[in-house]
Amino acid sequence: MSGPARLVPAAAALLALALTGTACDAGVRGTPGGSGVHDPYFPKAGNGGYDVTHYALTLDYTPDTRRLTGRAVITARATQDLTAFDLDLEGLDVASVTVGGKDARWNRAGQELTVRPHDDLREGRTFTAAVRYSGTPRTLTDPDGSKEGWLPTADGALGLGEPVGSTAWFPGNHHPSDKATYDITVTVPEGLQAVSNGELTGRTGKGGRTTYSWHAAEPMASYLATVAVGHYDIGRGTGPHGLPVLNAVDPRQAKASKDVLAKIPEILGWEERTFGPYPFSSAGVIVDRPGDAEYALETQTRPVFPGAPDTGTLVHELAHQWYGDSVTPMSWQDMWLNEGFATYAEWLYQEDHGGKSAQQTFTDLYDGDDDAVWDFPPARPAGAAHISDTPVYERGAMVLQKIRQKVGDGAFRDLLRGWAAAHRHGTADTAQFTAFVEKRAPGKDFGGIWRDWLYGDGRPDRP
């Protein structure tokens, strides 16, 4: 493919002027932000040129018509001089865009909403973009065939975002490397609930509709944002240190869920002792009907389950609050830092509660006949369709057990807590993790573990 045509300086200046529409803008000498951040598996995800700090989403949804009306107010900081920037939005009709309170020009191309502010944005400037939009939000199909985005349910809808499904219901910088705080306000017909991340800060009724306001105070990747609309039994309790716990359970799942959800305070307490302080200001779950969603997802502070979870799955999704939600992958290639850790949490919980040791689980996997474990190395998934395959989970957990074998139990527990603390509310990649392990265990040689277990193809030699 040939490169972009070069413009002589005078022509380039005229083009910049035409795009932004004001003579004073030429002094910024900015360029458009990139469409995509070159993720190795989802290259169109995210956008360059800015960093979002806060989303204020105001949504109105009617299940009978499946119509969503929304206004997204996005607060961000320019990381370069900008004449234009992109937001990710799949489908939906855009009515207007403003930047800094001034009307902005915009156009659509696939999932890209390109915004041209009235005035160019200087590097370091904090700005606010507001987008009004509406329509029928889409259910997307992942490369692996699973469904995400906006999923209509028997009595409402469910927003699930991993890896790029949040593009179906609000515009934003939809890549895990850009985290922000959120206020999510949802209006639904009277009699339905709208549940989201964080803490419920308000509930008002007017004209046969009810508005629910939620606040997520800690940074969150957009794929971890959720909205669940439907009939729910809302249960409140407390976890460790008075942590507020809010569970939203479909009434048809209430009986089956009761006993396992009663374990949440105990599980969170065990995970705090194992992984360090709980990283958020609230906790809980959303339990919907089987079939409304196909899988459990670690949506921040309030994981979603398709029916009553078993104890192991509950442990797994709550462990993600540390590994995946607080410490978020820098790119989708680093997915094993989510799933390998959460899977290993299941192994440890079983070990600490009278079940098989993590070493026995490791040995059973190594000696077992599930060849899928060895399909590819956990730090190098075979493609976008495989970031949630068995090696990312099981072989990722096996990497952690190999580290435990190398450093010993006490030092390994310190590593788990230290990693969660070092990148709390941030992002990290595999190279940072291996460097962290080597720094925390000087004198130990991890070269064989990285070569054979983390990056190597096939089944390593017997440990």
Protein backbone atom coordinates (compact mmCIF):
# COMPACT_ATOMS: atom_id res chain seq x y z
CA MET A 1 0.00 0.00 0.00
CA SER A 2 1.36 3.40 -0.89
CA GLY A 3 1.91 6.06 1.78
CA PRO A 4 -0.16 9.25 2.20
CA ALA A 5 0.29 11.98 -0.37
CA ARG A 6 2.54 14.84 0.75
CA LEU A 7 1.16 18.42 0.74
CA VAL A 8 3.24 21.51 0.27
CA PRO A 9 3.16 23.70 3.40
CA ALA A 10 0.72 26.24 1.99
CA ALA A 11 -1.73 23.54 0.92
CA ALA A 12 -1.42 21.80 4.30
CA ALA A 13 -2.22 25.05 6.11
CA LEU A 14 -5.28 25.63 3.94
CA LEU A 15 -6.46 22.06 4.60
CA ALA A 16 -6.08 22.50 8.38
CA LEU A 17 -8.02 25.75 8.16
CA ALA A 18 -10.80 24.07 6.21
CA LEU A 19 -11.09 21.25 8.70
CA THR A 20 -11.30 23.42 11.80
CA GLY A 21 -13.06 26.43 10.35
CA THR A 22 -11.32 29.28 12.22
CA ALA A 23 -8.31 31.36 11.24
CA CYS A 24 -6.89 31.47 14.76
CA ASP A 25 -6.66 27.67 14.84
CA ALA A 26 -3.74 27.63 12.41
CA GLY A 27 -1.42 28.77 15.20
CA VAL A 28 -1.79 25.46 17.05
CA ARG A 29 -0.37 23.48 14.13
CA GLY A 30 -2.07 20.38 15.45
CA THR A 31 -2.86 17.10 13.73
CA PRO A 32 -5.83 14.73 14.03
CA GLY A 33 -5.64 12.12 16.78
CA GLY A 34 -5.19 8.55 15.64
CA SER A 35 -8.16 6.26 15.00
CA GLY A 36 -7.10 3.23 16.99
CA VAL A 37 -4.17 2.62 19.33
CA HIS A 38 -2.70 -0.27 17.34
CA ASP A 39 -3.76 -3.00 19.73
CA PRO A 40 -2.28 -6.24 18.34
CA TYR A 41 -5.68 -7.96 18.32
CA PHE A 42 -8.17 -5.08 18.02
CA PRO A 43 -6.32 -2.38 16.04
CA LYS A 44 -9.41 -0.17 15.61
CA ALA A 45 -10.11 -0.06 19.34
CA GLY A 46 -9.34 3.16 21.19
CA ASN A 47 -8.07 6.43 19.79
CA GLY A 48 -4.97 8.59 20.00
CA GLY A 49 -4.38 12.18 20.96
CA TYR A 50 -6.26 12.39 24.26
CA ASP A 51 -6.82 10.72 27.60
CA VAL A 52 -10.32 10.49 29.09
CA THR A 53 -10.66 11.28 32.78
CA HIS A 54 -14.46 11.08 33.22
CA TYR A 55 -17.62 9.93 31.49
CA ALA A 56 -21.03 11.31 32.42
CA LEU A 57 -23.62 9.13 30.65
CA THR A 58 -27.31 10.02 30.69
CA LEU A 59 -29.37 7.22 29.16
CA ASP A 60 -33.07 6.60 28.59
CA TYR A 61 -34.14 3.11 27.54
CA THR A 62 -37.51 1.53 26.75
CA PRO A 63 -37.38 -2.27 26.42
CA ASP A 64 -40.65 -2.52 24.47
CA THR A 65 -39.28 -0.42 21.61
CA ARG A 66 -35.59 -1.19 22.27
CA ARG A 67 -34.86 2.50 21.81
CA LEU A 68 -31.96 4.09 23.62
CA THR A 69 -31.50 7.85 23.89
CA GLY A 70 -28.23 9.05 25.30
CA ARG A 71 -26.01 12.00 26.07
CA ALA A 72 -22.35 11.37 26.79
CA VAL A 73 -20.26 14.14 28.33
CA ILE A 74 -16.61 13.16 28.05
CA THR A 75 -13.93 15.03 29.97
CA ALA A 76 -10.45 14.46 28.56
CA ARG A 77 -6.96 15.91 28.31
CA ALA A 78 -5.28 16.45 24.95
CA THR A 79 -1.96 14.57 24.76
CA GLN A 80 -0.96 16.41 21.58
CA ASP A 81 -2.05 19.47 19.65
CA LEU A 82 -5.32 18.37 18.03
CA THR A 83 -7.31 19.58 15.05
CA ALA A 84 -9.62 16.55 15.33
CA PHE A 85 -10.10 13.41 17.39
CA ASP A 86 -12.05 10.16 17.15
CA LEU A 87 -14.55 8.46 19.43
CA ASP A 88 -15.60 4.82 19.08
CA LEU A 89 -19.34 4.34 18.52
CA GLU A 90 -20.93 1.37 16.78
CA GLY A 91 -24.26 2.15 15.09
CA LEU A 92 -26.69 4.59 16.77
CA ASP A 93 -27.55 7.97 15.28
CA VAL A 94 -25.62 11.05 16.34
CA ALA A 95 -27.70 14.22 16.66
CA SER A 96 -25.06 16.72 17.78
CA VAL A 97 -21.52 17.10 19.11
CA THR A 98 -20.09 20.01 21.06
CA VAL A 99 -16.57 20.58 22.34
CA GLY A 100 -16.12 23.17 25.07
CA GLY A 101 -19.75 24.16 24.65
CA LYS A 102 -19.29 25.06 20.96
CA ASP A 103 -20.82 23.12 18.09
CA ALA A 104 -18.30 20.80 16.48
CA ARG A 105 -18.30 19.29 13.03
CA TRP A 106 -18.30 15.51 12.87
CA ASN A 107 -18.55 12.58 10.49
CA ARG A 108 -19.00 8.80 10.73
CA ALA A 109 -16.98 5.97 9.18
CA GLY A 110 -17.70 2.53 10.61
CA GLN A 111 -17.18 2.64 14.38
CA GLU A 112 -15.25 5.91 14.13
CA LEU A 113 -16.96 9.18 15.08
CA THR A 114 -14.49 11.87 13.99
CA VAL A 115 -14.94 15.19 15.79
CA ARG A 116 -13.51 18.49 14.53
CA PRO A 117 -13.73 21.10 17.32
CA HIS A 118 -14.54 24.72 16.56
CA ASP A 119 -11.17 25.62 18.10
CA ASP A 120 -8.06 23.46 17.96
CA LEU A 121 -6.99 21.85 21.21
CA ARG A 122 -3.53 22.47 22.59
CA GLU A 123 -1.52 19.67 24.18
CA GLY A 124 -2.22 19.46 27.91
CA ARG A 125 -5.60 21.19 27.66
CA THR A 126 -8.55 19.62 29.46
CA PHE A 127 -11.68 19.72 27.32
CA THR A 128 -15.26 18.47 27.41
CA ALA A 129 -17.01 16.83 24.47
CA ALA A 130 -20.77 16.21 24.58
CA VAL A 131 -22.47 13.79 22.17
CA ARG A 132 -26.23 13.37 21.82
CA TYR A 133 -27.29 10.11 20.18
CA SER A 134 -30.15 7.63 19.89
CA GLY A 135 -31.34 4.48 18.18
CA THR A 136 -31.47 0.74 18.67
CA PRO A 137 -28.16 -0.38 20.18
CA ARG A 138 -26.59 -3.40 18.58
CA THR A 139 -25.67 -6.82 19.85
CA LEU A 140 -22.17 -7.49 18.54
CA THR A 141 -20.55 -10.83 17.77
CA ASP A 142 -16.99 -11.29 19.02
CA PRO A 143 -14.34 -12.95 16.87
CA ASP A 144 -14.85 -16.05 19.07
CA GLY A 145 -18.59 -16.07 18.31
CA SER A 146 -19.84 -14.88 21.70
CA LYS A 147 -22.27 -11.98 22.04
CA GLU A 148 -21.54 -8.61 23.60
CA GLY A 149 -22.64 -5.01 23.33
CA TRP A 150 -26.31 -4.36 24.12
CA LEU A 151 -28.16 -7.63 24.77
CA PRO A 152 -31.97 -7.50 24.92
CA THR A 153 -33.23 -9.71 27.75
CA ALA A 154 -36.59 -11.20 28.68
CA ASP A 155 -37.55 -8.06 30.62
CA GLY A 156 -34.97 -5.43 29.71
CA ALA A 157 -31.39 -5.30 28.48
CA LEU A 158 -27.82 -5.97 29.54
CA GLY A 159 -24.73 -4.03 28.46
CA LEU A 160 -21.57 -6.18 28.29
CA GLY A 161 -18.33 -4.74 26.97
CA GLU A 162 -15.49 -7.25 26.72
CA PRO A 163 -13.59 -6.64 24.56
CA VAL A 164 -15.24 -3.86 22.52
CA GLY A 165 -18.97 -4.15 23.24
CA SER A 166 -19.27 -0.82 25.04
CA THR A 167 -18.99 0.87 21.64
CA ALA A 168 -22.59 -0.28 21.09
CA TRP A 169 -24.09 1.97 23.79
CA PHE A 170 -21.87 4.98 24.39
CA PRO A 171 -19.16 6.89 22.52
CA GLY A 172 -15.70 6.87 24.02
CA ASN A 173 -12.10 5.81 23.92
CA HIS A 174 -12.81 2.11 24.03
CA HIS A 175 -9.48 0.48 24.85
CA PRO A 176 -8.39 -0.84 28.25
CA SER A 177 -5.33 1.43 28.28
CA ASP A 178 -7.56 4.50 28.87
CA LYS A 179 -9.41 4.33 32.20
CA ALA A 180 -11.74 6.95 33.65
CA THR A 181 -14.28 7.55 36.39
CA TYR A 182 -18.00 7.33 35.55
CA ASP A 183 -21.40 8.73 36.39
CA ILE A 184 -24.11 6.64 34.74
CA THR A 185 -27.73 7.80 34.93
CA VAL A 186 -30.41 5.56 33.42
CA THR A 187 -34.13 6.25 33.03
CA VAL A 188 -36.45 3.27 32.49
CA PRO A 189 -40.21 2.57 32.62
CA GLU A 190 -41.65 2.53 36.13
CA GLY A 191 -41.43 -0.92 37.71
CA LEU A 192 -38.04 -1.76 36.19
CA GLN A 193 -34.65 -1.28 37.81
CA ALA A 194 -31.46 -0.01 36.18
CA VAL A 195 -28.28 -1.32 37.82
CA SER A 196 -24.75 -0.21 37.00
CA ASN A 197 -21.24 0.06 38.43
CA GLY A 198 -20.27 1.66 41.71
CA GLU A 199 -22.72 3.15 44.17
CA LEU A 200 -26.35 4.16 43.74
CA THR A 201 -26.47 7.90 44.40
CA GLY A 202 -30.05 8.69 43.47
CA ARG A 203 -33.45 7.33 42.46
CA THR A 204 -36.30 9.56 41.29
CA GLY A 205 -39.63 8.95 39.59
CA LYS A 206 -41.59 11.16 37.20
CA GLY A 207 -44.20 10.63 34.51
CA GLY A 208 -44.27 6.87 34.73
CA ARG A 209 -40.49 6.51 34.50
CA THR A 210 -37.76 6.01 37.10
CA THR A 211 -34.24 7.40 36.97
CA TYR A 212 -31.31 5.64 38.66
CA SER A 213 -27.97 7.40 39.16
CA TRP A 214 -24.74 5.47 39.70
CA HIS A 215 -21.25 6.73 40.49
CA ALA A 216 -18.02 4.78 39.92
CA ALA A 217 -15.39 6.71 41.84
CA GLU A 218 -12.34 4.70 40.85
CA PRO A 219 -10.89 4.54 37.31
CA MET A 220 -12.54 1.94 35.07
CA ALA A 221 -11.82 0.61 31.60
CA SER A 222 -14.85 1.03 29.34
CA TYR A 223 -15.17 -2.72 28.74
CA LEU A 224 -15.94 -3.12 32.46
CA ALA A 225 -18.87 -0.68 32.41
CA THR A 226 -22.32 -2.25 32.54
CA VAL A 227 -25.99 -1.39 32.62
CA ALA A 228 -28.61 -4.01 33.54
CA VAL A 229 -32.27 -3.12 32.99
CA GLY A 230 -35.03 -5.43 34.20
CA HIS A 231 -36.81 -6.77 37.26
CA TYR A 232 -34.35 -7.41 40.09
CA ASP A 233 -34.49 -8.19 43.76
CA ILE A 234 -32.06 -5.71 45.31
CA GLY A 235 -30.20 -6.99 48.35
CA ARG A 236 -27.84 -4.92 50.47
CA GLY A 237 -25.22 -6.03 52.95
CA THR A 238 -21.68 -5.36 54.07
CA GLY A 239 -18.33 -6.94 53.38
CA PRO A 240 -14.97 -6.52 55.11
CA HIS A 241 -14.50 -3.24 56.99
CA GLY A 242 -18.12 -2.22 56.35
CA LEU A 243 -17.75 -2.35 52.55
CA PRO A 244 -21.22 -1.82 51.01
CA VAL A 245 -22.39 -4.82 48.99
CA LEU A 246 -25.33 -4.49 46.58
CA ASN A 247 -26.66 -7.53 44.73
CA ALA A 248 -29.24 -7.34 41.94
CA VAL A 249 -30.82 -10.76 41.31
CA ASP A 250 -33.47 -11.73 38.80
CA PRO A 251 -36.40 -13.00 40.92
CA ARG A 252 -36.35 -16.34 39.11
CA GLN A 253 -32.75 -16.83 40.24
CA ALA A 254 -33.20 -15.66 43.84
CA LYS A 255 -33.66 -19.07 45.45
CA ALA A 256 -30.82 -20.73 43.54
CA SER A 257 -28.47 -17.79 44.26
CA LYS A 258 -29.20 -17.24 47.93
CA ASP A 259 -26.64 -19.58 49.52
CA VAL A 260 -23.73 -18.83 47.20
CA LEU A 261 -24.22 -15.05 47.35
CA ALA A 262 -24.22 -15.27 51.13
CA LYS A 263 -20.53 -16.24 50.78
CA ILE A 264 -19.54 -12.89 49.24
CA PRO A 265 -18.34 -11.29 52.50
CA GLU A 266 -16.28 -14.37 53.38
CA ILE A 267 -14.80 -14.63 49.88
CA LEU A 268 -13.91 -10.94 49.82
CA GLY A 269 -12.29 -11.29 53.22
CA TRP A 270 -10.19 -14.23 52.02
CA GLU A 271 -9.22 -12.35 48.87
CA GLU A 272 -8.21 -9.30 50.89
CA ARG A 273 -5.94 -11.47 53.02
CA THR A 274 -4.50 -13.04 49.88
CA PHE A 275 -4.34 -10.14 47.40
CA GLY A 276 -4.37 -7.04 49.58
CA PRO A 277 -7.02 -4.39 50.33
CA TYR A 278 -10.14 -4.48 48.18
CA PRO A 279 -9.54 -1.80 45.53
CA PHE A 280 -13.02 -0.25 45.23
CA SER A 281 -15.58 1.55 47.38
CA SER A 282 -18.42 -0.94 46.78
CA ALA A 283 -19.02 -4.53 45.74
CA GLY A 284 -21.79 -6.88 44.68
CA VAL A 285 -23.11 -8.87 41.71
CA ILE A 286 -25.78 -8.88 39.01
CA VAL A 287 -27.46 -12.25 38.47
CA ASP A 288 -29.59 -12.44 35.34
CA ARG A 289 -31.45 -15.34 33.79
CA PRO A 290 -29.54 -18.06 31.93
CA GLY A 291 -29.68 -17.26 28.25
CA ASP A 292 -29.80 -13.50 28.72
CA ALA A 293 -26.00 -13.66 28.77
CA GLU A 294 -23.76 -16.55 27.76
CA TYR A 295 -20.94 -16.02 30.23
CA ALA A 296 -19.95 -14.41 33.50
CA LEU A 297 -18.09 -11.10 33.24
CA GLU A 298 -16.08 -9.17 35.81
CA THR A 299 -17.84 -5.83 35.32
CA GLN A 300 -16.22 -3.48 37.82
CA THR A 301 -17.56 -3.67 41.40
CA ARG A 302 -20.56 -5.73 40.21
CA PRO A 303 -19.79 -8.86 38.12
CA VAL A 304 -22.56 -10.22 35.89
CA PHE A 305 -23.62 -13.89 36.01
CA PRO A 306 -25.97 -15.80 33.67
CA GLY A 307 -27.88 -17.55 36.43
CA ALA A 308 -26.74 -18.50 39.92
CA PRO A 309 -22.94 -18.91 39.99
CA ASP A 310 -21.10 -21.71 41.73
CA THR A 311 -18.52 -20.85 44.39
CA GLY A 312 -15.54 -21.22 42.07
CA THR A 313 -16.97 -18.84 39.48
CA LEU A 314 -17.84 -16.32 42.18
CA VAL A 315 -14.28 -16.49 43.54
CA HIS A 316 -12.95 -16.03 39.99
CA GLU A 317 -15.01 -12.96 39.11
CA LEU A 318 -14.44 -11.29 42.48
CA ALA A 319 -10.67 -11.90 42.13
CA HIS A 320 -10.85 -9.96 38.88
CA GLN A 321 -11.62 -6.85 40.92
CA TRP A 322 -7.90 -6.91 41.79
CA TYR A 323 -6.56 -8.50 38.60
CA GLY A 324 -8.19 -7.07 35.50
CA ASP A 325 -10.35 -4.32 36.99
CA SER A 326 -7.90 -2.50 39.28
CA VAL A 327 -4.77 -3.74 37.48
CA THR A 328 -6.01 -3.59 33.89
CA PRO A 329 -4.19 -5.03 30.85
CA MET A 330 -2.30 -2.53 28.71
CA SER A 331 -3.50 -4.37 25.61
CA TRP A 332 -5.62 -7.41 24.80
CA GLN A 333 -2.43 -9.43 24.32
CA ASP A 334 -2.00 -9.22 28.10
CA MET A 335 -5.31 -10.95 28.81
CA TRP A 336 -3.58 -13.71 30.77
CA LEU A 337 -2.79 -11.14 33.47
CA ASN A 338 -6.56 -11.08 34.01
CA GLU A 339 -7.59 -14.66 33.48
CA GLY A 340 -4.49 -16.50 34.66
CA PHE A 341 -4.64 -14.67 38.00
CA ALA A 342 -8.39 -15.15 38.47
CA THR A 343 -8.08 -18.84 37.60
CA TYR A 344 -5.22 -19.21 40.06
CA ALA A 345 -7.43 -17.54 42.69
CA GLU A 346 -9.82 -20.48 42.27
CA TRP A 347 -6.92 -22.89 42.81
CA LEU A 348 -5.78 -21.07 45.95
CA TYR A 349 -9.28 -20.81 47.39
CA GLN A 350 -9.77 -24.53 46.90
CA GLU A 351 -6.40 -25.21 48.54
CA ASP A 352 -7.20 -22.98 51.52
CA HIS A 353 -10.65 -24.52 52.00
CA GLY A 354 -9.88 -28.21 52.25
CA GLY A 355 -9.73 -29.05 48.55
CA LYS A 356 -6.93 -29.98 46.18
CA SER A 357 -3.70 -28.06 46.47
CA ALA A 358 -2.76 -25.71 43.66
CA GLN A 359 0.17 -28.03 42.91
CA GLN A 360 -2.20 -30.99 42.50
CA THR A 361 -4.41 -28.96 40.18
CA PHE A 362 -1.30 -28.02 38.19
CA THR A 363 -0.18 -31.67 37.99
CA ASP A 364 -3.63 -32.86 36.95
CA LEU A 365 -3.67 -30.33 34.13
CA TYR A 366 -0.17 -31.25 33.00
CA ASP A 367 -0.95 -34.97 33.00
CA GLY A 368 -4.47 -34.57 31.62
CA ASP A 369 -5.69 -35.18 28.11
CA ASP A 370 -6.93 -31.63 27.38
CA ASP A 371 -4.56 -30.76 24.55
CA ALA A 372 -6.20 -27.32 24.23
CA VAL A 373 -4.10 -26.19 27.21
CA TRP A 374 -1.06 -26.28 24.93
CA ASP A 375 -2.56 -24.66 21.83
CA PHE A 376 -0.51 -21.48 22.25
CA PRO A 377 1.49 -19.69 24.97
CA PRO A 378 -0.60 -17.56 27.35
CA ALA A 379 1.31 -14.34 26.62
CA ARG A 380 0.90 -14.76 22.88
CA PRO A 381 -2.70 -15.75 21.97
CA ALA A 382 -3.18 -17.07 18.45
CA GLY A 383 -5.48 -14.18 17.47
CA ALA A 384 -8.44 -12.06 18.49
CA ALA A 385 -10.72 -15.10 18.48
CA HIS A 386 -8.52 -16.81 21.08
CA ILE A 387 -7.91 -14.26 23.83
CA SER A 388 -10.40 -16.13 26.05
CA ASP A 389 -9.25 -19.65 25.18
CA THR A 390 -8.01 -22.29 27.62
CA PRO A 391 -4.28 -21.43 27.53
CA VAL A 392 -4.96 -17.87 28.68
CA TYR A 393 -6.80 -19.20 31.74
CA GLU A 394 -5.28 -22.54 32.67
CA ARG A 395 -1.76 -22.23 31.34
CA GLY A 396 -1.71 -18.66 32.62
CA ALA A 397 -2.42 -20.03 36.09
CA MET A 398 0.28 -22.66 35.58
CA VAL A 399 2.81 -19.85 35.02
CA LEU A 400 1.92 -18.50 38.46
CA GLN A 401 2.34 -21.93 40.03
CA LYS A 402 5.79 -22.23 38.43
CA ILE A 403 6.73 -18.88 39.99
CA ARG A 404 5.44 -20.12 43.35
CA GLN A 405 7.59 -23.23 43.02
CA LYS A 406 10.60 -21.04 42.33
CA VAL A 407 10.23 -18.48 45.14
CA GLY A 408 8.35 -20.37 47.85
CA ASP A 409 4.93 -19.81 49.41
CA GLY A 410 5.64 -16.74 51.53
CA ALA A 411 7.46 -14.80 48.83
CA PHE A 412 4.80 -15.80 46.30
CA ARG A 413 1.98 -14.41 48.45
CA ASP A 414 4.01 -11.20 48.75
CA LEU A 415 4.29 -11.11 44.95
CA LEU A 416 0.54 -11.40 44.52
CA ARG A 417 -0.13 -8.55 46.92
CA GLY A 418 2.75 -6.47 45.62
CA TRP A 419 1.66 -6.70 41.99
CA ALA A 420 -1.90 -5.62 42.88
CA ALA A 421 -0.52 -2.70 44.91
CA ALA A 422 2.09 -1.57 42.40
CA HIS A 423 -0.43 -1.01 39.61
CA ARG A 424 -3.57 -0.30 41.64
CA HIS A 425 -6.13 1.54 39.45
CA GLY A 426 -3.65 1.49 36.57
CA THR A 427 -2.63 -0.61 33.59
CA ALA A 428 0.22 -3.03 33.07
CA ASP A 429 1.62 -5.43 30.50
CA THR A 430 3.43 -8.76 30.57
CA ALA A 431 6.91 -7.21 30.32
CA GLN A 432 6.18 -5.15 33.43
CA PHE A 433 5.03 -8.26 35.25
CA THR A 434 8.13 -10.32 34.44
CA ALA A 435 10.35 -7.38 35.42
CA PHE A 436 8.40 -7.01 38.68
CA VAL A 437 8.87 -10.69 39.56
CA GLU A 438 12.60 -10.58 38.81
CA LYS A 439 13.06 -7.43 40.89
CA ARG A 440 11.15 -8.87 43.85
CA ALA A 441 13.09 -12.15 43.76
CA PRO A 442 16.71 -11.20 43.05
CA GLY A 443 19.07 -14.08 42.51
CA LYS A 444 16.35 -16.34 41.10
CA ASP A 445 16.51 -17.34 37.44
CA PHE A 446 13.09 -17.10 35.78
CA GLY A 447 14.39 -17.43 32.23
CA GLY A 448 13.16 -20.99 31.82
CA ILE A 449 9.67 -20.14 33.11
CA TRP A 450 9.31 -17.21 30.72
CA ARG A 451 10.75 -19.19 27.78
CA ASP A 452 8.90 -22.47 28.25
CA TRP A 453 5.69 -21.63 30.12
CA LEU A 454 4.84 -18.02 29.31
CA TYR A 455 6.04 -17.67 25.71
CA GLY A 456 6.90 -21.19 24.58
CA ASP A 457 4.90 -23.29 22.13
CA GLY A 458 3.57 -26.73 23.07
CA ARG A 459 3.75 -28.69 26.31
CA PRO A 460 6.96 -27.94 28.23
CA ASP A 461 9.09 -30.82 29.49
CA ARG A 462 7.81 -32.42 32.69
CA PRO A 463 8.38 -30.01 35.57
